[in-house]
Amino acid sequence: MLKNFRSKKGQAVSGEYVLAAILMVGALSVMTVYLRRAFQARVYDGQRKIMADASAALGTKVRAEYEPYYTMTSSRTNSSKADRSRGIAGGEINRTMESESGTFYVSNQLQPGLSQ
């Protein structure tokens, strides 16, 4: 059995290809962490640059953070129902029921100084 295994020379090369492929996949998966962090840093720097330019142009400090407690929301819901019944000859009752409902929702982002 061992003698037959040694006579097949092409099998040793396939193991090296598998090992090389595993190392490349591992290296790429490690590099994605650094690539993601670099992309996030570029977005962060770009946002800060735009906010600094806007602050300089307006003469006031412009805030870029999202702060949910500065939102003002309001909603209005209305519904109506109508029930119409009428008697018909012979004791039968013709009944019609109608219903209608609707919702109106508004959400505004307030400036930090205008929060309630």
PDB file of N, CA and C in Angstrom:
ATOM      1  N   MET A   1       0.821  -1.193   0.000  1.00  0.00           N
ATOM      2  CA  MET A   1       0.000   0.000   0.000  1.00  0.00           C
ATOM      3  C   MET A   1       0.864   1.255   0.000  1.00  0.00           C
ATOM      4  N   LEU A   2       1.844   1.302   0.869  1.00  0.00           N
ATOM      5  CA  LEU A   2       2.717   2.456   0.946  1.00  0.00           C
ATOM      6  C   LEU A   2       3.543   2.598  -0.325  1.00  0.00           C
ATOM      7  N   LYS A   3       3.894   1.466  -0.939  1.00  0.00           N
ATOM      8  CA  LYS A   3       4.673   1.490  -2.174  1.00  0.00           C
ATOM      9  C   LYS A   3       3.871   2.127  -3.311  1.00  0.00           C
ATOM     10  N   ASN A   4       2.542   1.860  -3.377  1.00  0.00           N
ATOM     11  CA  ASN A   4       1.694   2.442  -4.407  1.00  0.00           C
ATOM     12  C   ASN A   4       1.510   3.956  -4.199  1.00  0.00           C
ATOM     13  N   PHE A   5       1.437   4.391  -2.959  1.00  0.00           N
ATOM     14  CA  PHE A   5       1.252   5.806  -2.653  1.00  0.00           C
ATOM     15  C   PHE A   5       2.468   6.624  -3.093  1.00  0.00           C
ATOM     16  N   ARG A   6       3.659   6.090  -2.900  1.00  0.00           N
ATOM     17  CA  ARG A   6       4.888   6.797  -3.255  1.00  0.00           C
ATOM     18  C   ARG A   6       5.072   6.893  -4.768  1.00  0.00           C
ATOM     19  N   SER A   7       4.491   5.989  -5.492  1.00  0.00           N
ATOM     20  CA  SER A   7       4.698   6.008  -6.935  1.00  0.00           C
ATOM     21  C   SER A   7       3.862   7.070  -7.634  1.00  0.00           C
ATOM     22  N   LYS A   8       2.822   7.611  -6.973  1.00  0.00           N
ATOM     23  CA  LYS A   8       1.988   8.655  -7.563  1.00  0.00           C
ATOM     24  C   LYS A   8       2.584  10.015  -7.209  1.00  0.00           C
ATOM     25  N   LYS A   9       3.241  10.634  -8.182  1.00  0.00           N
ATOM     26  CA  LYS A   9       3.997  11.850  -7.917  1.00  0.00           C
ATOM     27  C   LYS A   9       3.150  13.116  -7.942  1.00  0.00           C
ATOM     28  N   GLY A  10       1.992  13.121  -8.559  1.00  0.00           N
ATOM     29  CA  GLY A  10       1.183  14.326  -8.686  1.00  0.00           C
ATOM     30  C   GLY A  10       0.402  14.685  -7.442  1.00  0.00           C
ATOM     31  N   GLN A  11       0.271  13.792  -6.487  1.00  0.00           N
ATOM     32  CA  GLN A  11      -0.548  14.069  -5.306  1.00  0.00           C
ATOM     33  C   GLN A  11       0.122  15.045  -4.350  1.00  0.00           C
ATOM     34  N   ALA A  12       1.397  15.117  -4.306  1.00  0.00           N
ATOM     35  CA  ALA A  12       2.094  16.018  -3.393  1.00  0.00           C
ATOM     36  C   ALA A  12       1.860  17.472  -3.798  1.00  0.00           C
ATOM     37  N   VAL A  13       1.697  17.762  -5.066  1.00  0.00           N
ATOM     38  CA  VAL A  13       1.508  19.120  -5.537  1.00  0.00           C
ATOM     39  C   VAL A  13       0.122  19.637  -5.162  1.00  0.00           C
ATOM     40  N   SER A  14      -0.900  18.802  -5.192  1.00  0.00           N
ATOM     41  CA  SER A  14      -2.260  19.254  -4.860  1.00  0.00           C
ATOM     42  C   SER A  14      -2.367  19.694  -3.405  1.00  0.00           C
ATOM     43  N   GLY A  15      -1.642  19.069  -2.505  1.00  0.00           N
ATOM     44  CA  GLY A  15      -1.630  19.478  -1.101  1.00  0.00           C
ATOM     45  C   GLY A  15      -1.049  20.870  -0.921  1.00  0.00           C
ATOM     46  N   GLU A  16      -0.038  21.178  -1.698  1.00  0.00           N
ATOM     47  CA  GLU A  16       0.564  22.509  -1.621  1.00  0.00           C
ATOM     48  C   GLU A  16      -0.407  23.582  -2.126  1.00  0.00           C
ATOM     49  N   TYR A  17      -1.152  23.261  -3.183  1.00  0.00           N
ATOM     50  CA  TYR A  17      -2.152  24.216  -3.674  1.00  0.00           C
ATOM     51  C   TYR A  17      -3.248  24.464  -2.642  1.00  0.00           C
ATOM     52  N   VAL A  18      -3.686  23.430  -1.975  1.00  0.00           N
ATOM     53  CA  VAL A  18      -4.717  23.584  -0.938  1.00  0.00           C
ATOM     54  C   VAL A  18      -4.189  24.445   0.203  1.00  0.00           C
ATOM     55  N   LEU A  19      -2.952  24.203   0.619  1.00  0.00           N
ATOM     56  CA  LEU A  19      -2.361  24.996   1.699  1.00  0.00           C
ATOM     57  C   LEU A  19      -2.211  26.459   1.285  1.00  0.00           C
ATOM     58  N   ALA A  20      -1.783  26.694   0.059  1.00  0.00           N
ATOM     59  CA  ALA A  20      -1.641  28.070  -0.430  1.00  0.00           C
ATOM     60  C   ALA A  20      -2.999  28.767  -0.496  1.00  0.00           C
ATOM     61  N   ALA A  21      -4.043  28.058  -0.935  1.00  0.00           N
ATOM     62  CA  ALA A  21      -5.384  28.643  -0.997  1.00  0.00           C
ATOM     63  C   ALA A  21      -5.892  28.980   0.399  1.00  0.00           C
ATOM     64  N   ILE A  22      -5.665  28.126   1.365  1.00  0.00           N
ATOM     65  CA  ILE A  22      -6.100  28.383   2.744  1.00  0.00           C
ATOM     66  C   ILE A  22      -5.380  29.608   3.302  1.00  0.00           C
ATOM     67  N   LEU A  23      -4.085  29.727   3.038  1.00  0.00           N
ATOM     68  CA  LEU A  23      -3.338  30.893   3.523  1.00  0.00           C
ATOM     69  C   LEU A  23      -3.822  32.183   2.872  1.00  0.00           C
ATOM     70  N   MET A  24      -4.156  32.128   1.588  1.00  0.00           N
ATOM     71  CA  MET A  24      -4.649  33.340   0.917  1.00  0.00           C
ATOM     72  C   MET A  24      -6.016  33.760   1.443  1.00  0.00           C
ATOM     73  N   VAL A  25      -6.905  32.812   1.666  1.00  0.00           N
ATOM     74  CA  VAL A  25      -8.223  33.135   2.216  1.00  0.00           C
ATOM     75  C   VAL A  25      -8.081  33.711   3.622  1.00  0.00           C
ATOM     76  N   GLY A  26      -7.193  33.146   4.414  1.00  0.00           N
ATOM     77  CA  GLY A  26      -6.951  33.671   5.761  1.00  0.00           C
ATOM     78  C   GLY A  26      -6.411  35.087   5.739  1.00  0.00           C
ATOM     79  N   ALA A  27      -5.467  35.352   4.828  1.00  0.00           N
ATOM     80  CA  ALA A  27      -4.891  36.704   4.726  1.00  0.00           C
ATOM     81  C   ALA A  27      -5.943  37.707   4.277  1.00  0.00           C
ATOM     82  N   LEU A  28      -6.789  37.335   3.326  1.00  0.00           N
ATOM     83  CA  LEU A  28      -7.844  38.243   2.866  1.00  0.00           C
ATOM     84  C   LEU A  28      -8.867  38.517   3.963  1.00  0.00           C
ATOM     85  N   SER A  29      -9.201  37.508   4.753  1.00  0.00           N
ATOM     86  CA  SER A  29     -10.183  37.730   5.819  1.00  0.00           C
ATOM     87  C   SER A  29      -9.619  38.636   6.912  1.00  0.00           C
ATOM     88  N   VAL A  30      -8.328  38.547   7.180  1.00  0.00           N
ATOM     89  CA  VAL A  30      -7.704  39.441   8.165  1.00  0.00           C
ATOM     90  C   VAL A  30      -7.651  40.867   7.616  1.00  0.00           C
ATOM     91  N   MET A  31      -7.367  41.017   6.344  1.00  0.00           N
ATOM     92  CA  MET A  31      -7.245  42.350   5.748  1.00  0.00           C
ATOM     93  C   MET A  31      -8.583  43.080   5.662  1.00  0.00           C
ATOM     94  N   THR A  32      -9.701  42.376   5.618  1.00  0.00           N
ATOM     95  CA  THR A  32     -10.995  43.053   5.527  1.00  0.00           C
ATOM     96  C   THR A  32     -11.256  43.928   6.744  1.00  0.00           C
ATOM     97  N   VAL A  33     -10.762  43.528   7.909  1.00  0.00           N
ATOM     98  CA  VAL A  33     -10.937  44.346   9.117  1.00  0.00           C
ATOM     99  C   VAL A  33     -10.261  45.703   8.923  1.00  0.00           C
ATOM    100  N   TYR A  34      -9.033  45.692   8.416  1.00  0.00           N
ATOM    101  CA  TYR A  34      -8.298  46.938   8.226  1.00  0.00           C
ATOM    102  C   TYR A  34      -8.890  47.778   7.098  1.00  0.00           C
ATOM    103  N   LEU A  35      -9.365  47.136   6.048  1.00  0.00           N
ATOM    104  CA  LEU A  35      -9.991  47.878   4.960  1.00  0.00           C
ATOM    105  C   LEU A  35     -11.285  48.545   5.415  1.00  0.00           C
ATOM    106  N   ARG A  36     -12.071  47.859   6.218  1.00  0.00           N
ATOM    107  CA  ARG A  36     -13.309  48.436   6.729  1.00  0.00           C
ATOM    108  C   ARG A  36     -13.018  49.626   7.638  1.00  0.00           C
ATOM    109  N   ARG A  37     -12.022  49.491   8.501  1.00  0.00           N
ATOM    110  CA  ARG A  37     -11.668  50.597   9.390  1.00  0.00           C
ATOM    111  C   ARG A  37     -11.141  51.794   8.610  1.00  0.00           C
ATOM    112  N   ALA A  38     -10.375  51.545   7.558  1.00  0.00           N
ATOM    113  CA  ALA A  38      -9.866  52.641   6.735  1.00  0.00           C
ATOM    114  C   ALA A  38     -11.009  53.355   6.025  1.00  0.00           C
ATOM    115  N   PHE A  39     -11.973  52.618   5.522  1.00  0.00           N
ATOM    116  CA  PHE A  39     -13.125  53.229   4.853  1.00  0.00           C
ATOM    117  C   PHE A  39     -13.951  54.062   5.838  1.00  0.00           C
ATOM    118  N   GLN A  40     -14.177  53.524   7.038  1.00  0.00           N
ATOM    119  CA  GLN A  40     -14.940  54.270   8.040  1.00  0.00           C
ATOM    120  C   GLN A  40     -14.206  55.548   8.458  1.00  0.00           C
ATOM    121  N   ALA A  41     -12.882  55.486   8.526  1.00  0.00           N
ATOM    122  CA  ALA A  41     -12.111  56.674   8.884  1.00  0.00           C
ATOM    123  C   ALA A  41     -12.215  57.738   7.797  1.00  0.00           C
ATOM    124  N   ARG A  42     -12.219  57.321   6.539  1.00  0.00           N
ATOM    125  CA  ARG A  42     -12.361  58.285   5.443  1.00  0.00           C
ATOM    126  C   ARG A  42     -13.743  58.943   5.470  1.00  0.00           C
ATOM    127  N   VAL A  43     -14.770  58.173   5.754  1.00  0.00           N
ATOM    128  CA  VAL A  43     -16.119  58.738   5.846  1.00  0.00           C
ATOM    129  C   VAL A  43     -16.202  59.706   7.017  1.00  0.00           C
ATOM    130  N   TYR A  44     -15.629  59.335   8.146  1.00  0.00           N
ATOM    131  CA  TYR A  44     -15.634  60.193   9.330  1.00  0.00           C
ATOM    132  C   TYR A  44     -14.901  61.505   9.056  1.00  0.00           C
ATOM    133  N   ASP A  45     -13.717  61.427   8.441  1.00  0.00           N
ATOM    134  CA  ASP A  45     -12.960  62.638   8.122  1.00  0.00           C
ATOM    135  C   ASP A  45     -13.699  63.522   7.117  1.00  0.00           C
ATOM    136  N   GLY A  46     -14.330  62.897   6.136  1.00  0.00           N
ATOM    137  CA  GLY A  46     -15.100  63.664   5.163  1.00  0.00           C
ATOM    138  C   GLY A  46     -16.268  64.393   5.797  1.00  0.00           C
ATOM    139  N   GLN A  47     -16.950  63.719   6.710  1.00  0.00           N
ATOM    140  CA  GLN A  47     -18.077  64.341   7.406  1.00  0.00           C
ATOM    141  C   GLN A  47     -17.593  65.529   8.248  1.00  0.00           C
ATOM    142  N   ARG A  48     -16.500  65.349   8.962  1.00  0.00           N
ATOM    143  CA  ARG A  48     -15.953  66.445   9.782  1.00  0.00           C
ATOM    144  C   ARG A  48     -15.527  67.631   8.916  1.00  0.00           C
ATOM    145  N   LYS A  49     -14.938  67.357   7.754  1.00  0.00           N
ATOM    146  CA  LYS A  49     -14.506  68.435   6.847  1.00  0.00           C
ATOM    147  C   LYS A  49     -15.706  69.215   6.332  1.00  0.00           C
ATOM    148  N   ILE A  50     -16.763  68.519   5.935  1.00  0.00           N
ATOM    149  CA  ILE A  50     -17.967  69.193   5.443  1.00  0.00           C
ATOM    150  C   ILE A  50     -18.600  70.031   6.551  1.00  0.00           C
ATOM    151  N   MET A  51     -18.663  69.504   7.762  1.00  0.00           N
ATOM    152  CA  MET A  51     -19.250  70.250   8.875  1.00  0.00           C
ATOM    153  C   MET A  51     -18.402  71.473   9.224  1.00  0.00           C
ATOM    154  N   ALA A  52     -17.077  71.355   9.139  1.00  0.00           N
ATOM    155  CA  ALA A  52     -16.213  72.512   9.408  1.00  0.00           C
ATOM    156  C   ALA A  52     -16.405  73.584   8.346  1.00  0.00           C
ATOM    157  N   ASP A  53     -16.507  73.173   7.077  1.00  0.00           N
ATOM    158  CA  ASP A  53     -16.739  74.143   6.005  1.00  0.00           C
ATOM    159  C   ASP A  53     -18.101  74.817   6.152  1.00  0.00           C
ATOM    160  N   ALA A  54     -19.123  74.049   6.525  1.00  0.00           N
ATOM    161  CA  ALA A  54     -20.458  74.626   6.704  1.00  0.00           C
ATOM    162  C   ALA A  54     -20.478  75.575   7.893  1.00  0.00           C
ATOM    163  N   SER A  55     -19.778  75.219   8.964  1.00  0.00           N
ATOM    164  CA  SER A  55     -19.718  76.100  10.137  1.00  0.00           C
ATOM    165  C   SER A  55     -19.022  77.411   9.793  1.00  0.00           C
ATOM    166  N   ALA A  56     -17.958  77.322   9.004  1.00  0.00           N
ATOM    167  CA  ALA A  56     -17.239  78.539   8.614  1.00  0.00           C
ATOM    168  C   ALA A  56     -18.099  79.408   7.699  1.00  0.00           C
ATOM    169  N   ALA A  57     -18.845  78.802   6.807  1.00  0.00           N
ATOM    170  CA  ALA A  57     -19.669  79.572   5.878  1.00  0.00           C
ATOM    171  C   ALA A  57     -20.859  80.217   6.578  1.00  0.00           C
ATOM    172  N   LEU A  58     -21.453  79.510   7.545  1.00  0.00           N
ATOM    173  CA  LEU A  58     -22.626  80.042   8.241  1.00  0.00           C
ATOM    174  C   LEU A  58     -22.277  80.914   9.434  1.00  0.00           C
ATOM    175  N   GLY A  59     -21.069  80.761   9.951  1.00  0.00           N
ATOM    176  CA  GLY A  59     -20.667  81.538  11.115  1.00  0.00           C
ATOM    177  C   GLY A  59     -21.176  80.954  12.426  1.00  0.00           C
ATOM    178  N   THR A  60     -21.752  79.781  12.398  1.00  0.00           N
ATOM    179  CA  THR A  60     -22.224  79.099  13.609  1.00  0.00           C
ATOM    180  C   THR A  60     -21.706  77.673  13.598  1.00  0.00           C
ATOM    181  N   LYS A  61     -21.784  77.044  14.743  1.00  0.00           N
ATOM    182  CA  LYS A  61     -21.351  75.648  14.836  1.00  0.00           C
ATOM    183  C   LYS A  61     -22.460  74.740  14.322  1.00  0.00           C
ATOM    184  N   VAL A  62     -22.118  73.874  13.385  1.00  0.00           N
ATOM    185  CA  VAL A  62     -23.071  72.929  12.816  1.00  0.00           C
ATOM    186  C   VAL A  62     -22.781  71.563  13.411  1.00  0.00           C
ATOM    187  N   ARG A  63     -23.812  70.924  13.937  1.00  0.00           N
ATOM    188  CA  ARG A  63     -23.636  69.607  14.554  1.00  0.00           C
ATOM    189  C   ARG A  63     -23.986  68.516  13.559  1.00  0.00           C
ATOM    190  N   ALA A  64     -23.200  67.449  13.553  1.00  0.00           N
ATOM    191  CA  ALA A  64     -23.402  66.370  12.591  1.00  0.00           C
ATOM    192  C   ALA A  64     -23.984  65.120  13.234  1.00  0.00           C
ATOM    193  N   GLU A  65     -24.030  65.057  14.546  1.00  0.00           N
ATOM    194  CA  GLU A  65     -24.475  63.839  15.208  1.00  0.00           C
ATOM    195  C   GLU A  65     -25.985  63.682  15.120  1.00  0.00           C
ATOM    196  N   TYR A  66     -26.425  62.446  15.099  1.00  0.00           N
ATOM    197  CA  TYR A  66     -27.848  62.146  15.146  1.00  0.00           C
ATOM    198  C   TYR A  66     -28.225  61.957  16.601  1.00  0.00           C
ATOM    199  N   GLU A  67     -29.163  62.740  17.075  1.00  0.00           N
ATOM    200  CA  GLU A  67     -29.592  62.652  18.460  1.00  0.00           C
ATOM    201  C   GLU A  67     -31.099  62.498  18.477  1.00  0.00           C
ATOM    202  N   PRO A  68     -31.584  61.298  18.746  1.00  0.00           N
ATOM    203  CA  PRO A  68     -33.018  61.032  18.613  1.00  0.00           C
ATOM    204  C   PRO A  68     -33.893  61.810  19.587  1.00  0.00           C
ATOM    205  N   TYR A  69     -33.347  62.294  20.702  1.00  0.00           N
ATOM    206  CA  TYR A  69     -34.191  63.044  21.629  1.00  0.00           C
ATOM    207  C   TYR A  69     -34.443  64.463  21.157  1.00  0.00           C
ATOM    208  N   TYR A  70     -33.904  64.839  20.006  1.00  0.00           N
ATOM    209  CA  TYR A  70     -34.206  66.129  19.409  1.00  0.00           C
ATOM    210  C   TYR A  70     -35.271  66.026  18.325  1.00  0.00           C
ATOM    211  N   THR A  71     -35.921  64.903  18.233  1.00  0.00           N
ATOM    212  CA  THR A  71     -36.978  64.765  17.232  1.00  0.00           C
ATOM    213  C   THR A  71     -38.326  65.108  17.853  1.00  0.00           C
ATOM    214  N   MET A  72     -39.183  65.698  17.061  1.00  0.00           N
ATOM    215  CA  MET A  72     -40.536  66.010  17.499  1.00  0.00           C
ATOM    216  C   MET A  72     -41.481  65.251  16.561  1.00  0.00           C
ATOM    217  N   THR A  73     -42.258  64.374  17.124  1.00  0.00           N
ATOM    218  CA  THR A  73     -43.168  63.584  16.311  1.00  0.00           C
ATOM    219  C   THR A  73     -44.599  63.833  16.758  1.00  0.00           C
ATOM    220  N   SER A  74     -45.504  63.746  15.831  1.00  0.00           N
ATOM    221  CA  SER A  74     -46.922  63.843  16.161  1.00  0.00           C
ATOM    222  C   SER A  74     -47.684  62.964  15.179  1.00  0.00           C
ATOM    223  N   SER A  75     -48.759  62.401  15.673  1.00  0.00           N
ATOM    224  CA  SER A  75     -49.579  61.571  14.802  1.00  0.00           C
ATOM    225  C   SER A  75     -51.050  61.806  15.140  1.00  0.00           C
ATOM    226  N   ARG A  76     -51.872  61.641  14.141  1.00  0.00           N
ATOM    227  CA  ARG A  76     -53.310  61.821  14.316  1.00  0.00           C
ATOM    228  C   ARG A  76     -53.997  60.657  13.620  1.00  0.00           C
ATOM    229  N   THR A  77     -54.847  59.986  14.351  1.00  0.00           N
ATOM    230  CA  THR A  77     -55.579  58.845  13.800  1.00  0.00           C
ATOM    231  C   THR A  77     -57.060  59.134  13.903  1.00  0.00           C
ATOM    232  N   ASN A  78     -57.770  58.888  12.831  1.00  0.00           N
ATOM    233  CA  ASN A  78     -59.216  59.063  12.873  1.00  0.00           C
ATOM    234  C   ASN A  78     -59.879  57.853  12.236  1.00  0.00           C
ATOM    235  N   SER A  79     -61.046  57.565  12.713  1.00  0.00           N
ATOM    236  CA  SER A  79     -61.808  56.449  12.150  1.00  0.00           C
ATOM    237  C   SER A  79     -63.292  56.774  12.268  1.00  0.00           C
ATOM    238  N   SER A  80     -64.037  56.219  11.364  1.00  0.00           N
ATOM    239  CA  SER A  80     -65.484  56.416  11.398  1.00  0.00           C
ATOM    240  C   SER A  80     -66.161  55.118  10.972  1.00  0.00           C
ATOM    241  N   LYS A  81     -67.318  54.875  11.596  1.00  0.00           N
ATOM    242  CA  LYS A  81     -68.094  53.680  11.288  1.00  0.00           C
ATOM    243  C   LYS A  81     -69.547  54.081  11.064  1.00  0.00           C
ATOM    244  N   ALA A  82     -70.147  53.428  10.130  1.00  0.00           N
ATOM    245  CA  ALA A  82     -71.565  53.690   9.857  1.00  0.00           C
ATOM    246  C   ALA A  82     -72.288  52.349   9.787  1.00  0.00           C
ATOM    247  N   ASP A  83     -73.375  52.267  10.511  1.00  0.00           N
ATOM    248  CA  ASP A  83     -74.190  51.046  10.529  1.00  0.00           C
ATOM    249  C   ASP A  83     -75.603  51.438  10.116  1.00  0.00           C
ATOM    250  N   ARG A  84     -76.033  50.927   8.987  1.00  0.00           N
ATOM    251  CA  ARG A  84     -77.365  51.256   8.480  1.00  0.00           C
ATOM    252  C   ARG A  84     -78.187  49.980   8.409  1.00  0.00           C
ATOM    253  N   SER A  85     -79.269  50.010   9.093  1.00  0.00           N
ATOM    254  CA  SER A  85     -80.183  48.857   9.062  1.00  0.00           C
ATOM    255  C   SER A  85     -81.569  49.337   8.648  1.00  0.00           C
ATOM    256  N   ARG A  86     -82.228  48.547   7.858  1.00  0.00           N
ATOM    257  CA  ARG A  86     -83.614  48.883   7.514  1.00  0.00           C
ATOM    258  C   ARG A  86     -84.390  47.591   7.335  1.00  0.00           C
ATOM    259  N   GLY A  87     -85.599  47.671   7.746  1.00  0.00           N
ATOM    260  CA  GLY A  87     -86.472  46.504   7.663  1.00  0.00           C
ATOM    261  C   GLY A  87     -87.118  46.394   6.291  1.00  0.00           C
ATOM    262  N   ILE A  88     -87.268  45.180   5.848  1.00  0.00           N
ATOM    263  CA  ILE A  88     -87.892  44.898   4.567  1.00  0.00           C
ATOM    264  C   ILE A  88     -89.139  44.070   4.851  1.00  0.00           C
ATOM    265  N   ALA A  89     -90.069  44.135   3.945  1.00  0.00           N
ATOM    266  CA  ALA A  89     -91.321  43.379   4.118  1.00  0.00           C
ATOM    267  C   ALA A  89     -91.004  41.901   4.318  1.00  0.00           C
ATOM    268  N   GLY A  90     -91.765  41.261   5.190  1.00  0.00           N
ATOM    269  CA  GLY A  90     -91.581  39.842   5.469  1.00  0.00           C
ATOM    270  C   GLY A  90     -90.654  39.607   6.648  1.00  0.00           C
ATOM    271  N   GLY A  91     -90.227  40.652   7.360  1.00  0.00           N
ATOM    272  CA  GLY A  91     -89.401  40.489   8.557  1.00  0.00           C
ATOM    273  C   GLY A  91     -87.903  40.439   8.284  1.00  0.00           C
ATOM    274  N   GLU A  92     -87.490  40.583   7.049  1.00  0.00           N
ATOM    275  CA  GLU A  92     -86.052  40.575   6.758  1.00  0.00           C
ATOM    276  C   GLU A  92     -85.435  41.929   7.098  1.00  0.00           C
ATOM    277  N   ILE A  93     -84.147  41.911   7.430  1.00  0.00           N
ATOM    278  CA  ILE A  93     -83.421  43.138   7.762  1.00  0.00           C
ATOM    279  C   ILE A  93     -82.251  43.264   6.801  1.00  0.00           C
ATOM    280  N   ASN A  94     -82.157  44.405   6.169  1.00  0.00           N
ATOM    281  CA  ASN A  94     -81.030  44.708   5.295  1.00  0.00           C
ATOM    282  C   ASN A  94     -80.056  45.582   6.094  1.00  0.00           C
ATOM    283  N   ARG A  95     -78.862  45.074   6.358  1.00  0.00           N
ATOM    284  CA  ARG A  95     -77.903  45.781   7.207  1.00  0.00           C
ATOM    285  C   ARG A  95     -76.636  46.085   6.408  1.00  0.00           C
ATOM    286  N   THR A  96     -76.171  47.329   6.447  1.00  0.00           N
ATOM    287  CA  THR A  96     -74.951  47.763   5.770  1.00  0.00           C
ATOM    288  C   THR A  96     -74.022  48.392   6.804  1.00  0.00           C
ATOM    289  N   MET A  97     -72.777  47.914   6.833  1.00  0.00           N
ATOM    290  CA  MET A  97     -71.779  48.457   7.770  1.00  0.00           C
ATOM    291  C   MET A  97     -70.607  48.986   6.951  1.00  0.00           C
ATOM    292  N   GLU A  98     -70.214  50.222   7.238  1.00  0.00           N
ATOM    293  CA  GLU A  98     -69.084  50.847   6.568  1.00  0.00           C
ATOM    294  C   GLU A  98     -68.112  51.358   7.626  1.00  0.00           C
ATOM    295  N   SER A  99     -66.833  51.190   7.376  1.00  0.00           N
ATOM    296  CA  SER A  99     -65.829  51.740   8.297  1.00  0.00           C
ATOM    297  C   SER A  99     -64.684  52.327   7.482  1.00  0.00           C
ATOM    298  N   GLU A 100     -64.094  53.364   8.033  1.00  0.00           N
ATOM    299  CA  GLU A 100     -63.006  54.061   7.373  1.00  0.00           C
ATOM    300  C   GLU A 100     -62.042  54.537   8.447  1.00  0.00           C
ATOM    301  N   SER A 101     -60.734  54.401   8.192  1.00  0.00           N
ATOM    302  CA  SER A 101     -59.743  54.879   9.159  1.00  0.00           C
ATOM    303  C   SER A 101     -58.540  55.418   8.415  1.00  0.00           C
ATOM    304  N   GLY A 102     -57.826  56.313   9.069  1.00  0.00           N
ATOM    305  CA  GLY A 102     -56.633  56.909   8.470  1.00  0.00           C
ATOM    306  C   GLY A 102     -55.689  57.405   9.542  1.00  0.00           C
ATOM    307  N   THR A 103     -54.400  57.496   9.193  1.00  0.00           N
ATOM    308  CA  THR A 103     -53.377  57.960  10.127  1.00  0.00           C
ATOM    309  C   THR A 103     -52.507  58.999   9.430  1.00  0.00           C
ATOM    310  N   PHE A 104     -52.248  60.082  10.127  1.00  0.00           N
ATOM    311  CA  PHE A 104     -51.376  61.144   9.646  1.00  0.00           C
ATOM    312  C   PHE A 104     -50.212  61.239  10.619  1.00  0.00           C
ATOM    313  N   TYR A 105     -48.976  61.106  10.128  1.00  0.00           N
ATOM    314  CA  TYR A 105     -47.802  61.046  10.988  1.00  0.00           C
ATOM    315  C   TYR A 105     -46.762  62.054  10.497  1.00  0.00           C
ATOM    316  N   VAL A 106     -46.226  62.862  11.421  1.00  0.00           N
ATOM    317  CA  VAL A 106     -45.210  63.861  11.088  1.00  0.00           C
ATOM    318  C   VAL A 106     -44.054  63.715  12.068  1.00  0.00           C
ATOM    319  N   SER A 107     -42.802  63.735  11.536  1.00  0.00           N
ATOM    320  CA  SER A 107     -41.609  63.685  12.373  1.00  0.00           C
ATOM    321  C   SER A 107     -40.655  64.769  11.902  1.00  0.00           C
ATOM    322  N   ASN A 108     -40.234  65.630  12.825  1.00  0.00           N
ATOM    323  CA  ASN A 108     -39.317  66.724  12.495  1.00  0.00           C
ATOM    324  C   ASN A 108     -38.059  66.599  13.343  1.00  0.00           C
ATOM    325  N   GLN A 109     -36.897  66.862  12.722  1.00  0.00           N
ATOM    326  CA  GLN A 109     -35.633  66.887  13.447  1.00  0.00           C
ATOM    327  C   GLN A 109     -35.385  68.317  13.908  1.00  0.00           C
ATOM    328  N   LEU A 110     -35.332  68.529  15.212  1.00  0.00           N
ATOM    329  CA  LEU A 110     -35.124  69.860  15.774  1.00  0.00           C
ATOM    330  C   LEU A 110     -33.648  70.147  15.990  1.00  0.00           C
ATOM    331  N   GLN A 111     -33.304  71.404  16.049  1.00  0.00           N
ATOM    332  CA  GLN A 111     -31.957  71.791  16.417  1.00  0.00           C
ATOM    333  C   GLN A 111     -31.782  71.567  17.909  1.00  0.00           C
ATOM    334  N   PRO A 112     -30.565  71.337  18.382  1.00  0.00           N
ATOM    335  CA  PRO A 112     -30.348  71.046  19.795  1.00  0.00           C
ATOM    336  C   PRO A 112     -30.875  72.125  20.724  1.00  0.00           C
ATOM    337  N   GLY A 113     -30.826  73.399  20.353  1.00  0.00           N
ATOM    338  CA  GLY A 113     -31.306  74.462  21.227  1.00  0.00           C
ATOM    339  C   GLY A 113     -32.827  74.534  21.311  1.00  0.00           C
ATOM    340  N   LEU A 114     -33.551  73.900  20.380  1.00  0.00           N
ATOM    341  CA  LEU A 114     -35.008  73.980  20.357  1.00  0.00           C
ATOM    342  C   LEU A 114     -35.697  72.773  20.929  1.00  0.00           C
ATOM    343  N   SER A 115     -34.954  71.875  21.572  1.00  0.00           N
ATOM    344  CA  SER A 115     -35.594  70.673  22.101  1.00  0.00           C
ATOM    345  C   SER A 115     -36.489  71.010  23.285  1.00  0.00           C
ATOM    346  N   GLN A 116     -37.436  70.165  23.519  1.00  0.00           N
ATOM    347  CA  GLN A 116     -38.413  70.432  24.587  1.00  0.00           C
ATOM    348  C   GLN A 116     -37.992  69.770  25.865  1.00  0.00           C
TER     349      GLN A 116
END
